[in-house]
Amino acid sequence: METKKWLTVFGCVSLIVMTGVLSVNALYAAPIELSWVSIISKENSPEMSAFDRVFIQRVNEKAKGELFIKYRGGPETIPAFDQGKAVQKGVVDITNVACGFYEPIAPGVGGSMLTQISLEEERKPGGAYDFLNELHNKGGLFYLGRGTPADEYFYLNLRKKVLRQQDFVGLRIGTATVSRAAAAAWGSTVVSVSMDEYYTSMERGLVDGLASCPLTLLVSAGIYEVTKYTIDRGFYQATLAVIMNLDKWNKLPKHLQNLMKECIIQSEKEMRDYYAKLKDEAIEKMKKSGVEFYKLSPDVEKWFVDSAYDAAWKYQMQRYPEATPKLRKLFTGK
């Protein structure tokens, strides 16, 4: 009887000691460290700096030492077009980059820029967000969410004024892939232009306008200085996406996965409001510098916008026929 009593006491003491050891080990365990890169250096971009503040730093703070996400840099560290592949291969863990830059890895995800539903609708169970994640998973990626949700993200910025549908015919429009289909649908001459060529192409008259440049970039890069007119009607959703290496995601403890999901949902809402403020400031600065914002007539504006969306969906269908019909249904109901 006495022996049994002592064995019970010993067992309780051992359990307390083991619990203490585990608690101490947990307390002093090395944090999980992840790294991230951005399409534009956060030092040179208000958007990336804000994203760092409202998502990255929030995760680091709420993780309380269990997880830390470290900034590796912008395109000077890993070229923007290579960032999706770098995440897929685990060279870096997270990026905030244009989905079109890595779409060959996750075929069809570029259709997300054509959404006509709210962020809240997008994340309904079995909805657009879940399907986007399926497409990302096939390429070894986990889709966290939108980097900068913003409607009417792209504008047509011009050196000369166009008012009628026929005025667009032959107009030399500089664009990246994102607005190529739209420019062609307007009857314009498509000129491939990279971001670092936007200013010089407008300054030298190599193009009559730019179709893939958000107003915030137009101001931050000084391109508004060589812009005379802007059609006051934007199109498409911002294409920035926050993606993570799928294996790294799967290895995270469930509570840290949930934490990151909660933070990205909050980030999407805050970045949407933040970008709207930045855009208003950019418009004000452009107007003060002499850029004329003008409206097209209602019928021409409808043609201008409808052509941009219809052409983009057609282009997506040509390249990614398996994913596009479902994406279009989820994002537009059509």
C-alpha atoms as a PDB file:
ATOM      1  CA  MET A   1       0.000   0.000   0.000  1.00  0.00           C
ATOM      2  CA  GLU A   2       2.818   2.387   0.972  1.00  0.00           C
ATOM      3  CA  THR A   3       4.702   1.492  -2.212  1.00  0.00           C
ATOM      4  CA  LYS A   4       1.640   2.252  -4.322  1.00  0.00           C
ATOM      5  CA  LYS A   5       1.255   5.618  -2.588  1.00  0.00           C
ATOM      6  CA  TRP A   6       4.846   6.589  -3.299  1.00  0.00           C
ATOM      7  CA  LEU A   7       4.536   5.495  -6.938  1.00  0.00           C
ATOM      8  CA  THR A   8       1.498   7.745  -7.309  1.00  0.00           C
ATOM      9  CA  VAL A   9       3.353  10.690  -5.750  1.00  0.00           C
ATOM     10  CA  PHE A  10       6.394  10.043  -7.943  1.00  0.00           C
ATOM     11  CA  GLY A  11       4.191   9.899 -11.043  1.00  0.00           C
ATOM     12  CA  CYS A  12       2.567  13.241 -10.199  1.00  0.00           C
ATOM     13  CA  VAL A  13       5.918  14.899  -9.544  1.00  0.00           C
ATOM     14  CA  SER A  14       7.315  13.528 -12.821  1.00  0.00           C
ATOM     15  CA  LEU A  15       4.311  14.830 -14.717  1.00  0.00           C
ATOM     16  CA  ILE A  16       4.755  18.298 -13.186  1.00  0.00           C
ATOM     17  CA  VAL A  17       8.463  18.295 -14.020  1.00  0.00           C
ATOM     18  CA  MET A  18       7.833  17.133 -17.600  1.00  0.00           C
ATOM     19  CA  THR A  19       5.127  19.761 -18.080  1.00  0.00           C
ATOM     20  CA  GLY A  20       7.508  22.401 -16.814  1.00  0.00           C
ATOM     21  CA  VAL A  21      10.260  21.248 -19.140  1.00  0.00           C
ATOM     22  CA  LEU A  22       7.906  21.277 -22.117  1.00  0.00           C
ATOM     23  CA  SER A  23       6.665  24.743 -21.182  1.00  0.00           C
ATOM     24  CA  VAL A  24      10.211  26.057 -20.908  1.00  0.00           C
ATOM     25  CA  ASN A  25      11.162  24.450 -24.214  1.00  0.00           C
ATOM     26  CA  ALA A  26       8.088  25.987 -25.861  1.00  0.00           C
ATOM     27  CA  LEU A  27       8.932  29.336 -24.339  1.00  0.00           C
ATOM     28  CA  TYR A  28      12.481  29.336 -25.645  1.00  0.00           C
ATOM     29  CA  ALA A  29      11.899  27.429 -28.919  1.00  0.00           C
ATOM     30  CA  ALA A  30      13.270  29.189 -31.985  1.00  0.00           C
ATOM     31  CA  PRO A  31      10.470  30.987 -33.868  1.00  0.00           C
ATOM     32  CA  ILE A  32       9.405  29.841 -37.299  1.00  0.00           C
ATOM     33  CA  GLU A  33      10.988  32.296 -39.722  1.00  0.00           C
ATOM     34  CA  LEU A  34       9.493  33.057 -43.117  1.00  0.00           C
ATOM     35  CA  SER A  35      10.706  35.528 -45.740  1.00  0.00           C
ATOM     36  CA  TRP A  36       8.826  37.727 -48.192  1.00  0.00           C
ATOM     37  CA  VAL A  37       9.530  39.851 -51.257  1.00  0.00           C
ATOM     38  CA  SER A  38       7.455  42.466 -53.061  1.00  0.00           C
ATOM     39  CA  ILE A  39       6.806  43.475 -56.663  1.00  0.00           C
ATOM     40  CA  ILE A  40       8.061  46.990 -55.843  1.00  0.00           C
ATOM     41  CA  SER A  41      10.443  47.751 -53.003  1.00  0.00           C
ATOM     42  CA  LYS A  42       8.474  48.824 -49.935  1.00  0.00           C
ATOM     43  CA  GLU A  43      10.876  51.760 -49.521  1.00  0.00           C
ATOM     44  CA  ASN A  44       9.686  53.076 -52.907  1.00  0.00           C
ATOM     45  CA  SER A  45       6.026  52.165 -52.710  1.00  0.00           C
ATOM     46  CA  PRO A  46       3.365  53.491 -50.324  1.00  0.00           C
ATOM     47  CA  GLU A  47       1.287  50.411 -51.134  1.00  0.00           C
ATOM     48  CA  MET A  48       3.979  47.915 -50.178  1.00  0.00           C
ATOM     49  CA  SER A  49       4.880  49.910 -47.092  1.00  0.00           C
ATOM     50  CA  ALA A  50       1.215  49.878 -46.038  1.00  0.00           C
ATOM     51  CA  PHE A  51       0.919  46.150 -46.737  1.00  0.00           C
ATOM     52  CA  ASP A  52       3.965  45.536 -44.576  1.00  0.00           C
ATOM     53  CA  ARG A  53       2.311  47.488 -41.783  1.00  0.00           C
ATOM     54  CA  VAL A  54      -1.200  46.039 -41.942  1.00  0.00           C
ATOM     55  CA  PHE A  55      -0.340  42.410 -42.701  1.00  0.00           C
ATOM     56  CA  ILE A  56       3.285  41.450 -42.134  1.00  0.00           C
ATOM     57  CA  GLN A  57       3.824  43.416 -38.931  1.00  0.00           C
ATOM     58  CA  ARG A  58       0.392  42.429 -37.638  1.00  0.00           C
ATOM     59  CA  VAL A  59       1.206  38.741 -38.089  1.00  0.00           C
ATOM     60  CA  ASN A  60       4.582  39.204 -36.394  1.00  0.00           C
ATOM     61  CA  GLU A  61       2.965  40.967 -33.461  1.00  0.00           C
ATOM     62  CA  LYS A  62       0.079  38.539 -32.987  1.00  0.00           C
ATOM     63  CA  ALA A  63       2.328  35.471 -33.361  1.00  0.00           C
ATOM     64  CA  LYS A  64       4.090  36.541 -30.142  1.00  0.00           C
ATOM     65  CA  GLY A  65       7.447  35.089 -31.008  1.00  0.00           C
ATOM     66  CA  GLU A  66       6.218  31.820 -32.560  1.00  0.00           C
ATOM     67  CA  LEU A  67       6.461  33.141 -36.110  1.00  0.00           C
ATOM     68  CA  PHE A  68       8.414  35.949 -37.718  1.00  0.00           C
ATOM     69  CA  ILE A  69       8.174  37.112 -41.336  1.00  0.00           C
ATOM     70  CA  LYS A  70      11.304  38.889 -42.552  1.00  0.00           C
ATOM     71  CA  TYR A  71      11.503  41.217 -45.546  1.00  0.00           C
ATOM     72  CA  ARG A  72      14.033  40.197 -48.202  1.00  0.00           C
ATOM     73  CA  GLY A  73      13.466  43.101 -50.588  1.00  0.00           C
ATOM     74  CA  GLY A  74      11.762  44.058 -53.821  1.00  0.00           C
ATOM     75  CA  PRO A  75      12.617  43.341 -57.480  1.00  0.00           C
ATOM     76  CA  GLU A  76      16.243  44.219 -56.816  1.00  0.00           C
ATOM     77  CA  THR A  77      16.387  41.020 -54.725  1.00  0.00           C
ATOM     78  CA  ILE A  78      14.305  38.765 -56.982  1.00  0.00           C
ATOM     79  CA  PRO A  79      13.000  40.143 -60.310  1.00  0.00           C
ATOM     80  CA  ALA A  80       9.241  40.663 -60.192  1.00  0.00           C
ATOM     81  CA  PHE A  81       8.529  38.181 -62.992  1.00  0.00           C
ATOM     82  CA  ASP A  82      10.535  35.513 -61.126  1.00  0.00           C
ATOM     83  CA  GLN A  83       8.950  35.967 -57.714  1.00  0.00           C
ATOM     84  CA  GLY A  84       6.106  33.474 -58.209  1.00  0.00           C
ATOM     85  CA  LYS A  85       8.564  30.794 -59.308  1.00  0.00           C
ATOM     86  CA  ALA A  86      10.845  31.646 -56.387  1.00  0.00           C
ATOM     87  CA  VAL A  87       7.953  31.080 -53.970  1.00  0.00           C
ATOM     88  CA  GLN A  88       7.026  27.827 -55.699  1.00  0.00           C
ATOM     89  CA  LYS A  89      10.592  26.551 -55.325  1.00  0.00           C
ATOM     90  CA  GLY A  90      10.915  27.746 -51.726  1.00  0.00           C
ATOM     91  CA  VAL A  91      13.669  30.268 -52.447  1.00  0.00           C
ATOM     92  CA  VAL A  92      11.443  32.742 -50.630  1.00  0.00           C
ATOM     93  CA  ASP A  93       8.250  31.944 -48.719  1.00  0.00           C
ATOM     94  CA  ILE A  94       5.811  34.764 -49.525  1.00  0.00           C
ATOM     95  CA  THR A  95       5.395  37.447 -52.167  1.00  0.00           C
ATOM     96  CA  ASN A  96       2.961  40.234 -52.979  1.00  0.00           C
ATOM     97  CA  VAL A  97       3.080  40.293 -56.762  1.00  0.00           C
ATOM     98  CA  ALA A  98       0.868  40.648 -59.837  1.00  0.00           C
ATOM     99  CA  CYS A  99      -0.922  37.359 -60.482  1.00  0.00           C
ATOM    100  CA  GLY A 100      -0.230  37.665 -64.207  1.00  0.00           C
ATOM    101  CA  PHE A 101       3.484  37.343 -63.492  1.00  0.00           C
ATOM    102  CA  TYR A 102       3.106  33.755 -62.257  1.00  0.00           C
ATOM    103  CA  GLU A 103      -0.079  32.649 -64.032  1.00  0.00           C
ATOM    104  CA  PRO A 104       1.686  29.841 -65.958  1.00  0.00           C
ATOM    105  CA  ILE A 105       2.265  28.199 -62.544  1.00  0.00           C
ATOM    106  CA  ALA A 106      -1.383  28.633 -61.497  1.00  0.00           C
ATOM    107  CA  PRO A 107      -3.242  28.640 -64.838  1.00  0.00           C
ATOM    108  CA  GLY A 108      -6.277  30.902 -64.969  1.00  0.00           C
ATOM    109  CA  VAL A 109      -5.769  32.983 -61.826  1.00  0.00           C
ATOM    110  CA  GLY A 110      -5.458  36.158 -63.898  1.00  0.00           C
ATOM    111  CA  GLY A 111      -9.246  36.048 -64.203  1.00  0.00           C
ATOM    112  CA  SER A 112      -9.393  37.369 -60.644  1.00  0.00           C
ATOM    113  CA  MET A 113      -8.798  40.900 -61.979  1.00  0.00           C
ATOM    114  CA  LEU A 114     -12.208  40.741 -63.703  1.00  0.00           C
ATOM    115  CA  THR A 115     -14.206  40.263 -60.520  1.00  0.00           C
ATOM    116  CA  GLN A 116     -17.508  42.067 -60.064  1.00  0.00           C
ATOM    117  CA  ILE A 117     -18.248  40.817 -56.542  1.00  0.00           C
ATOM    118  CA  SER A 118     -17.271  42.074 -53.094  1.00  0.00           C
ATOM    119  CA  LEU A 119     -14.424  40.776 -50.934  1.00  0.00           C
ATOM    120  CA  GLU A 120     -16.973  39.271 -48.589  1.00  0.00           C
ATOM    121  CA  GLU A 121     -18.752  37.411 -51.405  1.00  0.00           C
ATOM    122  CA  GLU A 122     -15.412  36.210 -52.730  1.00  0.00           C
ATOM    123  CA  ARG A 123     -14.631  34.393 -49.476  1.00  0.00           C
ATOM    124  CA  LYS A 124     -17.943  32.589 -49.083  1.00  0.00           C
ATOM    125  CA  PRO A 125     -17.378  28.804 -48.620  1.00  0.00           C
ATOM    126  CA  GLY A 126     -17.090  27.099 -51.978  1.00  0.00           C
ATOM    127  CA  GLY A 127     -16.807  30.446 -53.733  1.00  0.00           C
ATOM    128  CA  ALA A 128     -14.215  32.294 -55.782  1.00  0.00           C
ATOM    129  CA  TYR A 129     -11.505  32.364 -53.099  1.00  0.00           C
ATOM    130  CA  ASP A 130     -11.654  28.591 -52.605  1.00  0.00           C
ATOM    131  CA  PHE A 131     -11.458  27.965 -56.339  1.00  0.00           C
ATOM    132  CA  LEU A 132      -8.541  30.371 -56.715  1.00  0.00           C
ATOM    133  CA  ASN A 133      -6.757  28.437 -53.996  1.00  0.00           C
ATOM    134  CA  GLU A 134      -7.365  25.171 -55.840  1.00  0.00           C
ATOM    135  CA  LEU A 135      -5.691  26.670 -58.900  1.00  0.00           C
ATOM    136  CA  HIS A 136      -2.765  27.929 -56.814  1.00  0.00           C
ATOM    137  CA  ASN A 137      -2.364  24.593 -55.026  1.00  0.00           C
ATOM    138  CA  LYS A 138      -1.828  22.841 -58.371  1.00  0.00           C
ATOM    139  CA  GLY A 139       1.302  24.975 -58.781  1.00  0.00           C
ATOM    140  CA  GLY A 140       2.635  24.387 -55.274  1.00  0.00           C
ATOM    141  CA  LEU A 141       1.316  27.724 -53.985  1.00  0.00           C
ATOM    142  CA  PHE A 142      -1.103  28.779 -51.271  1.00  0.00           C
ATOM    143  CA  TYR A 143      -3.266  31.797 -52.053  1.00  0.00           C
ATOM    144  CA  LEU A 144      -3.555  34.021 -48.998  1.00  0.00           C
ATOM    145  CA  GLY A 145      -5.551  36.813 -50.627  1.00  0.00           C
ATOM    146  CA  ARG A 146      -5.488  40.104 -52.493  1.00  0.00           C
ATOM    147  CA  GLY A 147      -2.566  42.442 -51.943  1.00  0.00           C
ATOM    148  CA  THR A 148      -4.389  45.667 -52.772  1.00  0.00           C
ATOM    149  CA  PRO A 149      -8.084  45.222 -53.516  1.00  0.00           C
ATOM    150  CA  ALA A 150      -9.067  48.175 -55.716  1.00  0.00           C
ATOM    151  CA  ASP A 151     -11.837  48.576 -58.282  1.00  0.00           C
ATOM    152  CA  GLU A 152     -11.197  50.660 -61.402  1.00  0.00           C
ATOM    153  CA  TYR A 153      -7.489  50.100 -60.911  1.00  0.00           C
ATOM    154  CA  PHE A 154      -6.277  50.853 -64.447  1.00  0.00           C
ATOM    155  CA  TYR A 155      -6.916  54.055 -66.393  1.00  0.00           C
ATOM    156  CA  LEU A 156      -6.159  55.146 -69.925  1.00  0.00           C
ATOM    157  CA  ASN A 157      -3.686  58.038 -69.610  1.00  0.00           C
ATOM    158  CA  LEU A 158      -3.095  59.973 -72.814  1.00  0.00           C
ATOM    159  CA  ARG A 159      -1.013  62.510 -74.686  1.00  0.00           C
ATOM    160  CA  LYS A 160      -3.978  63.431 -76.884  1.00  0.00           C
ATOM    161  CA  LYS A 161      -7.721  63.502 -76.289  1.00  0.00           C
ATOM    162  CA  VAL A 162     -10.027  60.833 -77.700  1.00  0.00           C
ATOM    163  CA  LEU A 163     -13.799  61.157 -77.520  1.00  0.00           C
ATOM    164  CA  ARG A 164     -15.430  58.944 -80.144  1.00  0.00           C
ATOM    165  CA  GLN A 165     -15.123  55.219 -80.682  1.00  0.00           C
ATOM    166  CA  GLN A 166     -13.381  55.796 -84.010  1.00  0.00           C
ATOM    167  CA  ASP A 167     -10.775  57.995 -82.278  1.00  0.00           C
ATOM    168  CA  PHE A 168      -9.353  54.874 -80.627  1.00  0.00           C
ATOM    169  CA  VAL A 169      -8.588  53.187 -83.941  1.00  0.00           C
ATOM    170  CA  GLY A 170      -4.847  53.238 -84.584  1.00  0.00           C
ATOM    171  CA  LEU A 171      -4.124  54.939 -81.261  1.00  0.00           C
ATOM    172  CA  ARG A 172      -0.734  53.681 -80.043  1.00  0.00           C
ATOM    173  CA  ILE A 173      -1.372  52.341 -76.565  1.00  0.00           C
ATOM    174  CA  GLY A 174       1.492  51.154 -74.417  1.00  0.00           C
ATOM    175  CA  THR A 175       0.537  48.289 -72.190  1.00  0.00           C
ATOM    176  CA  ALA A 176       1.727  45.283 -70.258  1.00  0.00           C
ATOM    177  CA  THR A 177      -0.060  41.956 -70.751  1.00  0.00           C
ATOM    178  CA  VAL A 178      -2.820  42.912 -68.301  1.00  0.00           C
ATOM    179  CA  SER A 179      -4.496  45.407 -70.668  1.00  0.00           C
ATOM    180  CA  ARG A 180      -3.327  44.081 -74.027  1.00  0.00           C
ATOM    181  CA  ALA A 181      -6.675  42.481 -74.903  1.00  0.00           C
ATOM    182  CA  ALA A 182      -8.552  45.667 -73.967  1.00  0.00           C
ATOM    183  CA  ALA A 183      -6.346  47.900 -76.109  1.00  0.00           C
ATOM    184  CA  ALA A 184      -6.771  45.577 -79.084  1.00  0.00           C
ATOM    185  CA  ALA A 185     -10.553  45.475 -78.585  1.00  0.00           C
ATOM    186  CA  TRP A 186     -10.654  49.274 -78.735  1.00  0.00           C
ATOM    187  CA  GLY A 187      -9.078  49.032 -82.184  1.00  0.00           C
ATOM    188  CA  SER A 188      -5.826  50.554 -80.984  1.00  0.00           C
ATOM    189  CA  THR A 189      -2.290  49.601 -81.916  1.00  0.00           C
ATOM    190  CA  VAL A 190      -0.809  47.634 -79.019  1.00  0.00           C
ATOM    191  CA  VAL A 191       2.719  48.598 -78.003  1.00  0.00           C
ATOM    192  CA  SER A 192       4.431  46.364 -75.424  1.00  0.00           C
ATOM    193  CA  VAL A 193       5.923  48.548 -72.714  1.00  0.00           C
ATOM    194  CA  SER A 194       7.520  47.501 -69.420  1.00  0.00           C
ATOM    195  CA  MET A 195       7.018  49.472 -66.210  1.00  0.00           C
ATOM    196  CA  ASP A 196      10.456  51.066 -66.353  1.00  0.00           C
ATOM    197  CA  GLU A 197       9.677  52.350 -69.876  1.00  0.00           C
ATOM    198  CA  TYR A 198       6.357  54.047 -69.062  1.00  0.00           C
ATOM    199  CA  TYR A 199       7.831  57.514 -68.553  1.00  0.00           C
ATOM    200  CA  THR A 200      10.203  57.596 -71.531  1.00  0.00           C
ATOM    201  CA  SER A 201       7.661  56.083 -73.926  1.00  0.00           C
ATOM    202  CA  MET A 202       5.204  58.885 -73.094  1.00  0.00           C
ATOM    203  CA  GLU A 203       7.844  61.600 -72.976  1.00  0.00           C
ATOM    204  CA  ARG A 204       9.254  60.715 -76.397  1.00  0.00           C
ATOM    205  CA  GLY A 205       5.860  60.174 -78.007  1.00  0.00           C
ATOM    206  CA  LEU A 206       6.554  56.510 -78.708  1.00  0.00           C
ATOM    207  CA  VAL A 207       3.017  55.856 -77.488  1.00  0.00           C
ATOM    208  CA  ASP A 208      -0.130  57.994 -77.407  1.00  0.00           C
ATOM    209  CA  GLY A 209      -1.202  56.584 -74.072  1.00  0.00           C
ATOM    210  CA  LEU A 210      -0.738  53.987 -71.336  1.00  0.00           C
ATOM    211  CA  ALA A 211      -3.428  51.461 -70.422  1.00  0.00           C
ATOM    212  CA  SER A 212      -1.814  49.396 -67.672  1.00  0.00           C
ATOM    213  CA  CYS A 213      -0.672  52.034 -65.224  1.00  0.00           C
ATOM    214  CA  PRO A 214      -2.645  52.724 -62.009  1.00  0.00           C
ATOM    215  CA  LEU A 215      -2.921  56.377 -61.064  1.00  0.00           C
ATOM    216  CA  THR A 216      -0.859  55.930 -57.899  1.00  0.00           C
ATOM    217  CA  LEU A 217       2.081  54.638 -59.941  1.00  0.00           C
ATOM    218  CA  LEU A 218       1.548  57.386 -62.490  1.00  0.00           C
ATOM    219  CA  VAL A 219       2.193  59.894 -59.695  1.00  0.00           C
ATOM    220  CA  SER A 220       4.874  58.064 -57.696  1.00  0.00           C
ATOM    221  CA  ALA A 221       6.930  57.421 -60.849  1.00  0.00           C
ATOM    222  CA  GLY A 222       6.433  60.963 -62.164  1.00  0.00           C
ATOM    223  CA  ILE A 223       4.655  59.778 -65.324  1.00  0.00           C
ATOM    224  CA  TYR A 224       1.858  62.288 -64.759  1.00  0.00           C
ATOM    225  CA  GLU A 225       4.379  64.972 -65.755  1.00  0.00           C
ATOM    226  CA  VAL A 226       4.246  63.703 -69.357  1.00  0.00           C
ATOM    227  CA  THR A 227       0.490  62.988 -69.323  1.00  0.00           C
ATOM    228  CA  LYS A 228      -2.068  65.487 -70.648  1.00  0.00           C
ATOM    229  CA  TYR A 229      -5.386  63.623 -70.371  1.00  0.00           C
ATOM    230  CA  THR A 230      -6.950  60.792 -68.383  1.00  0.00           C
ATOM    231  CA  ILE A 231     -10.278  59.172 -69.213  1.00  0.00           C
ATOM    232  CA  ASP A 232     -12.237  59.405 -65.981  1.00  0.00           C
ATOM    233  CA  ARG A 233     -13.389  55.799 -65.934  1.00  0.00           C
ATOM    234  CA  GLY A 234     -11.180  52.971 -64.762  1.00  0.00           C
ATOM    235  CA  PHE A 235     -11.424  49.249 -65.380  1.00  0.00           C
ATOM    236  CA  TYR A 236     -10.363  45.927 -63.836  1.00  0.00           C
ATOM    237  CA  GLN A 237      -9.463  45.025 -60.265  1.00  0.00           C
ATOM    238  CA  ALA A 238      -5.916  45.359 -58.930  1.00  0.00           C
ATOM    239  CA  THR A 239      -3.923  42.246 -59.822  1.00  0.00           C
ATOM    240  CA  LEU A 240      -1.651  42.024 -56.772  1.00  0.00           C
ATOM    241  CA  ALA A 241      -1.897  38.680 -54.969  1.00  0.00           C
ATOM    242  CA  VAL A 242      -0.311  37.456 -51.743  1.00  0.00           C
ATOM    243  CA  ILE A 243       0.956  33.913 -52.251  1.00  0.00           C
ATOM    244  CA  MET A 244       2.943  31.494 -50.116  1.00  0.00           C
ATOM    245  CA  ASN A 245       4.893  28.290 -50.713  1.00  0.00           C
ATOM    246  CA  LEU A 246       2.363  25.469 -50.240  1.00  0.00           C
ATOM    247  CA  ASP A 247       4.717  23.116 -48.359  1.00  0.00           C
ATOM    248  CA  LYS A 248       5.660  25.870 -45.915  1.00  0.00           C
ATOM    249  CA  TRP A 249       2.001  26.667 -45.403  1.00  0.00           C
ATOM    250  CA  ASN A 250       1.088  23.031 -44.746  1.00  0.00           C
ATOM    251  CA  LYS A 251       3.865  22.719 -42.160  1.00  0.00           C
ATOM    252  CA  LEU A 252       2.611  25.644 -40.102  1.00  0.00           C
ATOM    253  CA  PRO A 253       0.658  24.759 -36.940  1.00  0.00           C
ATOM    254  CA  LYS A 254      -3.081  25.158 -37.445  1.00  0.00           C
ATOM    255  CA  HIS A 255      -3.367  28.082 -35.031  1.00  0.00           C
ATOM    256  CA  LEU A 256      -0.717  30.025 -36.982  1.00  0.00           C
ATOM    257  CA  GLN A 257      -2.492  29.281 -40.255  1.00  0.00           C
ATOM    258  CA  ASN A 258      -5.699  30.654 -38.750  1.00  0.00           C
ATOM    259  CA  LEU A 259      -3.844  33.704 -37.483  1.00  0.00           C
ATOM    260  CA  MET A 260      -2.472  34.459 -40.959  1.00  0.00           C
ATOM    261  CA  LYS A 261      -5.921  33.990 -42.519  1.00  0.00           C
ATOM    262  CA  GLU A 262      -7.479  36.400 -40.046  1.00  0.00           C
ATOM    263  CA  CYS A 263      -4.727  38.949 -40.681  1.00  0.00           C
ATOM    264  CA  ILE A 264      -4.988  38.798 -44.484  1.00  0.00           C
ATOM    265  CA  ILE A 265      -8.764  39.272 -44.363  1.00  0.00           C
ATOM    266  CA  GLN A 266      -8.256  42.347 -42.185  1.00  0.00           C
ATOM    267  CA  SER A 267      -5.439  43.489 -44.464  1.00  0.00           C
ATOM    268  CA  GLU A 268      -7.659  43.256 -47.553  1.00  0.00           C
ATOM    269  CA  LYS A 269     -10.248  45.551 -45.970  1.00  0.00           C
ATOM    270  CA  GLU A 270      -7.686  48.079 -44.758  1.00  0.00           C
ATOM    271  CA  MET A 271      -5.720  48.062 -48.009  1.00  0.00           C
ATOM    272  CA  ARG A 272      -8.937  48.643 -49.973  1.00  0.00           C
ATOM    273  CA  ASP A 273      -9.643  51.783 -47.936  1.00  0.00           C
ATOM    274  CA  TYR A 274      -6.011  52.864 -47.937  1.00  0.00           C
ATOM    275  CA  TYR A 275      -5.690  52.571 -51.711  1.00  0.00           C
ATOM    276  CA  ALA A 276      -8.909  54.552 -52.251  1.00  0.00           C
ATOM    277  CA  LYS A 277      -7.321  57.377 -50.236  1.00  0.00           C
ATOM    278  CA  LEU A 278      -4.046  57.157 -52.188  1.00  0.00           C
ATOM    279  CA  LYS A 279      -5.947  57.214 -55.462  1.00  0.00           C
ATOM    280  CA  ASP A 280      -7.898  60.339 -54.470  1.00  0.00           C
ATOM    281  CA  GLU A 281      -4.632  62.043 -53.543  1.00  0.00           C
ATOM    282  CA  ALA A 282      -3.071  61.011 -56.871  1.00  0.00           C
ATOM    283  CA  ILE A 283      -6.026  62.414 -58.825  1.00  0.00           C
ATOM    284  CA  GLU A 284      -5.807  65.696 -56.928  1.00  0.00           C
ATOM    285  CA  LYS A 285      -2.093  65.986 -57.630  1.00  0.00           C
ATOM    286  CA  MET A 286      -2.563  65.191 -61.309  1.00  0.00           C
ATOM    287  CA  LYS A 287      -5.305  67.783 -61.683  1.00  0.00           C
ATOM    288  CA  LYS A 288      -3.205  70.439 -59.980  1.00  0.00           C
ATOM    289  CA  SER A 289      -0.359  69.688 -62.383  1.00  0.00           C
ATOM    290  CA  GLY A 290      -2.636  70.288 -65.349  1.00  0.00           C
ATOM    291  CA  VAL A 291      -3.767  66.764 -66.305  1.00  0.00           C
ATOM    292  CA  GLU A 292      -7.355  66.929 -67.584  1.00  0.00           C
ATOM    293  CA  PHE A 293      -9.724  64.216 -66.368  1.00  0.00           C
ATOM    294  CA  TYR A 294     -12.678  63.954 -68.720  1.00  0.00           C
ATOM    295  CA  LYS A 295     -15.758  61.794 -69.209  1.00  0.00           C
ATOM    296  CA  LEU A 296     -16.700  59.944 -72.346  1.00  0.00           C
ATOM    297  CA  SER A 297     -20.313  60.113 -73.490  1.00  0.00           C
ATOM    298  CA  PRO A 298     -22.463  57.396 -71.832  1.00  0.00           C
ATOM    299  CA  ASP A 299     -22.638  55.177 -74.914  1.00  0.00           C
ATOM    300  CA  VAL A 300     -18.898  55.448 -75.651  1.00  0.00           C
ATOM    301  CA  GLU A 301     -18.048  54.823 -71.999  1.00  0.00           C
ATOM    302  CA  LYS A 302     -20.195  51.680 -71.967  1.00  0.00           C
ATOM    303  CA  TRP A 303     -18.454  50.430 -75.099  1.00  0.00           C
ATOM    304  CA  PHE A 304     -15.047  51.327 -73.616  1.00  0.00           C
ATOM    305  CA  VAL A 305     -15.630  49.360 -70.382  1.00  0.00           C
ATOM    306  CA  ASP A 306     -17.605  46.432 -71.826  1.00  0.00           C
ATOM    307  CA  SER A 307     -14.985  45.917 -74.549  1.00  0.00           C
ATOM    308  CA  ALA A 308     -12.223  45.809 -71.933  1.00  0.00           C
ATOM    309  CA  TYR A 309     -13.952  43.109 -69.872  1.00  0.00           C
ATOM    310  CA  ASP A 310     -15.291  41.004 -72.738  1.00  0.00           C
ATOM    311  CA  ALA A 311     -11.910  40.987 -74.477  1.00  0.00           C
ATOM    312  CA  ALA A 312     -10.088  40.018 -71.276  1.00  0.00           C
ATOM    313  CA  TRP A 313     -12.451  37.106 -70.578  1.00  0.00           C
ATOM    314  CA  LYS A 314     -12.072  35.952 -74.186  1.00  0.00           C
ATOM    315  CA  TYR A 315      -8.291  36.142 -73.850  1.00  0.00           C
ATOM    316  CA  GLN A 316      -8.423  34.136 -70.614  1.00  0.00           C
ATOM    317  CA  MET A 317     -10.632  31.541 -72.277  1.00  0.00           C
ATOM    318  CA  GLN A 318      -8.188  31.122 -75.145  1.00  0.00           C
ATOM    319  CA  ARG A 319      -5.292  30.488 -72.784  1.00  0.00           C
ATOM    320  CA  TYR A 320      -6.974  28.701 -69.874  1.00  0.00           C
ATOM    321  CA  PRO A 321     -10.181  27.036 -71.110  1.00  0.00           C
ATOM    322  CA  GLU A 322     -10.416  24.642 -68.149  1.00  0.00           C
ATOM    323  CA  ALA A 323     -10.507  27.225 -65.364  1.00  0.00           C
ATOM    324  CA  THR A 324     -12.018  30.296 -67.031  1.00  0.00           C
ATOM    325  CA  PRO A 325     -15.724  29.303 -67.334  1.00  0.00           C
ATOM    326  CA  LYS A 326     -15.980  28.538 -63.615  1.00  0.00           C
ATOM    327  CA  LEU A 327     -14.056  31.668 -62.656  1.00  0.00           C
ATOM    328  CA  ARG A 328     -16.302  33.827 -64.832  1.00  0.00           C
ATOM    329  CA  LYS A 329     -19.387  32.263 -63.245  1.00  0.00           C
ATOM    330  CA  LEU A 330     -18.055  32.833 -59.733  1.00  0.00           C
ATOM    331  CA  PHE A 331     -16.895  36.406 -60.376  1.00  0.00           C
ATOM    332  CA  THR A 332     -19.742  37.663 -62.564  1.00  0.00           C
ATOM    333  CA  GLY A 333     -22.613  35.190 -62.338  1.00  0.00           C
ATOM    334  CA  LYS A 334     -22.510  34.719 -66.124  1.00  0.00           C
END
